Amino acid sequence: MSSPYETGRSAEVNRLDQVSSHVDAARIVSQMLDDLRAHPDEWENATLERFLEALAACLSALSALYANRGEQFPAQPTWQLISEALVMASGYE
């Protein structure tokens, strides 16, 4: 970040829309770790404390996010939903 008023970014991952198993979710988490190691100063929530705080907020806001997109919030979480929340938390303000 070049100024104190800029915010960081979310983790950059590939094929988030193709997550359908625990193996796919593990791949996303590995990509997040690689991205954090490569760009530690660019993540919005690069510390465990900030990440967990953001993850709690993201999980609380998921149903509203789905409603805003005009989508039905799933009754049961999927590996894709969990992966999306993890990536969202890396950049949540």
C-alpha atoms as a PDB file:
ATOM      1  CA  MET A   1       0.000   0.000   0.000  1.00  0.00           C
ATOM      2  CA  SER A   2       1.363   3.367  -0.922  1.00  0.00           C
ATOM      3  CA  SER A   3      -0.636   5.517   1.482  1.00  0.00           C
ATOM      4  CA  PRO A   4      -2.259   4.939   4.876  1.00  0.00           C
ATOM      5  CA  TYR A   5      -5.684   5.537   3.310  1.00  0.00           C
ATOM      6  CA  GLU A   6      -5.428   2.727   0.773  1.00  0.00           C
ATOM      7  CA  THR A   7      -6.805  -0.631   1.691  1.00  0.00           C
ATOM      8  CA  GLY A   8      -5.272  -3.958   0.925  1.00  0.00           C
ATOM      9  CA  ARG A   9      -6.540  -6.620  -1.391  1.00  0.00           C
ATOM     10  CA  SER A  10      -7.948 -10.101  -1.183  1.00  0.00           C
ATOM     11  CA  ALA A  11      -5.931 -13.196  -1.924  1.00  0.00           C
ATOM     12  CA  GLU A  12      -5.597 -14.019  -5.592  1.00  0.00           C
ATOM     13  CA  VAL A  13      -6.667 -17.602  -6.277  1.00  0.00           C
ATOM     14  CA  ASN A  14      -7.498 -19.650  -9.360  1.00  0.00           C
ATOM     15  CA  ARG A  15     -10.706 -21.550 -10.094  1.00  0.00           C
ATOM     16  CA  LEU A  16     -12.650 -20.523  -6.980  1.00  0.00           C
ATOM     17  CA  ASP A  17     -15.828 -21.163  -8.978  1.00  0.00           C
ATOM     18  CA  GLN A  18     -14.782 -24.798  -9.453  1.00  0.00           C
ATOM     19  CA  VAL A  19     -14.511 -25.784  -5.781  1.00  0.00           C
ATOM     20  CA  SER A  20     -16.619 -28.870  -5.068  1.00  0.00           C
ATOM     21  CA  SER A  21     -14.610 -30.950  -2.585  1.00  0.00           C
ATOM     22  CA  HIS A  22     -12.366 -30.736   0.436  1.00  0.00           C
ATOM     23  CA  VAL A  23      -9.396 -31.286  -1.900  1.00  0.00           C
ATOM     24  CA  ASP A  24     -10.414 -28.238  -3.958  1.00  0.00           C
ATOM     25  CA  ALA A  25     -10.835 -26.202  -0.756  1.00  0.00           C
ATOM     26  CA  ALA A  26      -7.362 -27.254   0.384  1.00  0.00           C
ATOM     27  CA  ARG A  27      -6.004 -26.105  -2.995  1.00  0.00           C
ATOM     28  CA  ILE A  28      -7.596 -22.682  -2.450  1.00  0.00           C
ATOM     29  CA  VAL A  29      -6.101 -22.404   1.042  1.00  0.00           C
ATOM     30  CA  SER A  30      -2.670 -23.352  -0.354  1.00  0.00           C
ATOM     31  CA  GLN A  31      -3.024 -20.680  -3.035  1.00  0.00           C
ATOM     32  CA  MET A  32      -3.975 -18.165  -0.353  1.00  0.00           C
ATOM     33  CA  LEU A  33      -0.863 -19.060   1.644  1.00  0.00           C
ATOM     34  CA  ASP A  34       1.329 -18.732  -1.450  1.00  0.00           C
ATOM     35  CA  ASP A  35      -0.220 -15.341  -2.207  1.00  0.00           C
ATOM     36  CA  LEU A  36       0.260 -14.140   1.380  1.00  0.00           C
ATOM     37  CA  ARG A  37       3.899 -15.205   1.351  1.00  0.00           C
ATOM     38  CA  ALA A  38       4.483 -13.469  -1.987  1.00  0.00           C
ATOM     39  CA  HIS A  39       2.597 -10.256  -1.073  1.00  0.00           C
ATOM     40  CA  PRO A  40       2.411  -9.893   2.743  1.00  0.00           C
ATOM     41  CA  ASP A  41       2.132  -6.107   2.636  1.00  0.00           C
ATOM     42  CA  GLU A  42      -0.745  -6.122   0.142  1.00  0.00           C
ATOM     43  CA  TRP A  43      -3.331  -8.192   1.998  1.00  0.00           C
ATOM     44  CA  GLU A  44      -5.985  -6.288   3.911  1.00  0.00           C
ATOM     45  CA  ASN A  45      -5.974  -8.860   6.728  1.00  0.00           C
ATOM     46  CA  ALA A  46      -2.501 -10.378   6.808  1.00  0.00           C
ATOM     47  CA  THR A  47      -2.376 -11.209  10.528  1.00  0.00           C
ATOM     48  CA  LEU A  48      -4.274 -14.106  12.071  1.00  0.00           C
ATOM     49  CA  GLU A  49      -6.164 -11.767  14.405  1.00  0.00           C
ATOM     50  CA  ARG A  50      -7.332  -9.494  11.581  1.00  0.00           C
ATOM     51  CA  PHE A  51      -8.109 -12.447   9.318  1.00  0.00           C
ATOM     52  CA  LEU A  52     -10.251 -14.202  11.944  1.00  0.00           C
ATOM     53  CA  GLU A  53     -12.077 -10.969  12.778  1.00  0.00           C
ATOM     54  CA  ALA A  54     -12.806 -10.461   9.075  1.00  0.00           C
ATOM     55  CA  LEU A  55     -13.810 -14.114   8.633  1.00  0.00           C
ATOM     56  CA  ALA A  56     -16.385 -13.794  11.419  1.00  0.00           C
ATOM     57  CA  ALA A  57     -17.783 -10.658   9.752  1.00  0.00           C
ATOM     58  CA  CYS A  58     -17.846 -12.341   6.324  1.00  0.00           C
ATOM     59  CA  LEU A  59     -19.644 -15.403   7.630  1.00  0.00           C
ATOM     60  CA  SER A  60     -22.217 -13.167   9.328  1.00  0.00           C
ATOM     61  CA  ALA A  61     -22.787 -11.231   6.103  1.00  0.00           C
ATOM     62  CA  LEU A  62     -23.049 -14.176   3.688  1.00  0.00           C
ATOM     63  CA  SER A  63     -26.842 -14.399   3.609  1.00  0.00           C
ATOM     64  CA  ALA A  64     -27.103 -10.679   2.809  1.00  0.00           C
ATOM     65  CA  LEU A  65     -24.467 -11.058   0.081  1.00  0.00           C
ATOM     66  CA  TYR A  66     -26.472 -13.838  -1.552  1.00  0.00           C
ATOM     67  CA  ALA A  67     -29.676 -11.774  -1.267  1.00  0.00           C
ATOM     68  CA  ASN A  68     -27.957  -8.773  -2.880  1.00  0.00           C
ATOM     69  CA  ARG A  69     -26.913 -11.003  -5.780  1.00  0.00           C
ATOM     70  CA  GLY A  70     -30.468 -12.303  -6.107  1.00  0.00           C
ATOM     71  CA  GLU A  71     -29.366 -15.814  -5.169  1.00  0.00           C
ATOM     72  CA  GLN A  72     -30.782 -18.286  -2.691  1.00  0.00           C
ATOM     73  CA  PHE A  73     -28.549 -18.754   0.349  1.00  0.00           C
ATOM     74  CA  PRO A  74     -27.804 -22.480   0.644  1.00  0.00           C
ATOM     75  CA  ALA A  75     -29.341 -24.344   3.563  1.00  0.00           C
ATOM     76  CA  GLN A  76     -26.153 -26.386   3.881  1.00  0.00           C
ATOM     77  CA  PRO A  77     -22.688 -24.923   3.344  1.00  0.00           C
ATOM     78  CA  THR A  78     -20.640 -26.188   0.435  1.00  0.00           C
ATOM     79  CA  TRP A  79     -16.882 -26.389   0.017  1.00  0.00           C
ATOM     80  CA  GLN A  80     -17.202 -23.539  -2.478  1.00  0.00           C
ATOM     81  CA  LEU A  81     -19.065 -21.345   0.029  1.00  0.00           C
ATOM     82  CA  ILE A  82     -16.423 -22.008   2.679  1.00  0.00           C
ATOM     83  CA  SER A  83     -13.633 -21.246   0.203  1.00  0.00           C
ATOM     84  CA  GLU A  84     -15.350 -18.040  -0.906  1.00  0.00           C
ATOM     85  CA  ALA A  85     -15.643 -16.897   2.724  1.00  0.00           C
ATOM     86  CA  LEU A  86     -11.957 -17.589   3.358  1.00  0.00           C
ATOM     87  CA  VAL A  87     -10.858 -15.613   0.312  1.00  0.00           C
ATOM     88  CA  MET A  88     -13.331 -12.827   1.124  1.00  0.00           C
ATOM     89  CA  ALA A  89     -11.908 -12.557   4.646  1.00  0.00           C
ATOM     90  CA  SER A  90      -8.398 -11.946   3.332  1.00  0.00           C
ATOM     91  CA  GLY A  91      -9.546  -8.605   1.899  1.00  0.00           C
ATOM     92  CA  TYR A  92     -12.614  -7.676   3.965  1.00  0.00           C
ATOM     93  CA  GLU A  93     -12.499  -4.124   5.329  1.00  0.00           C
END
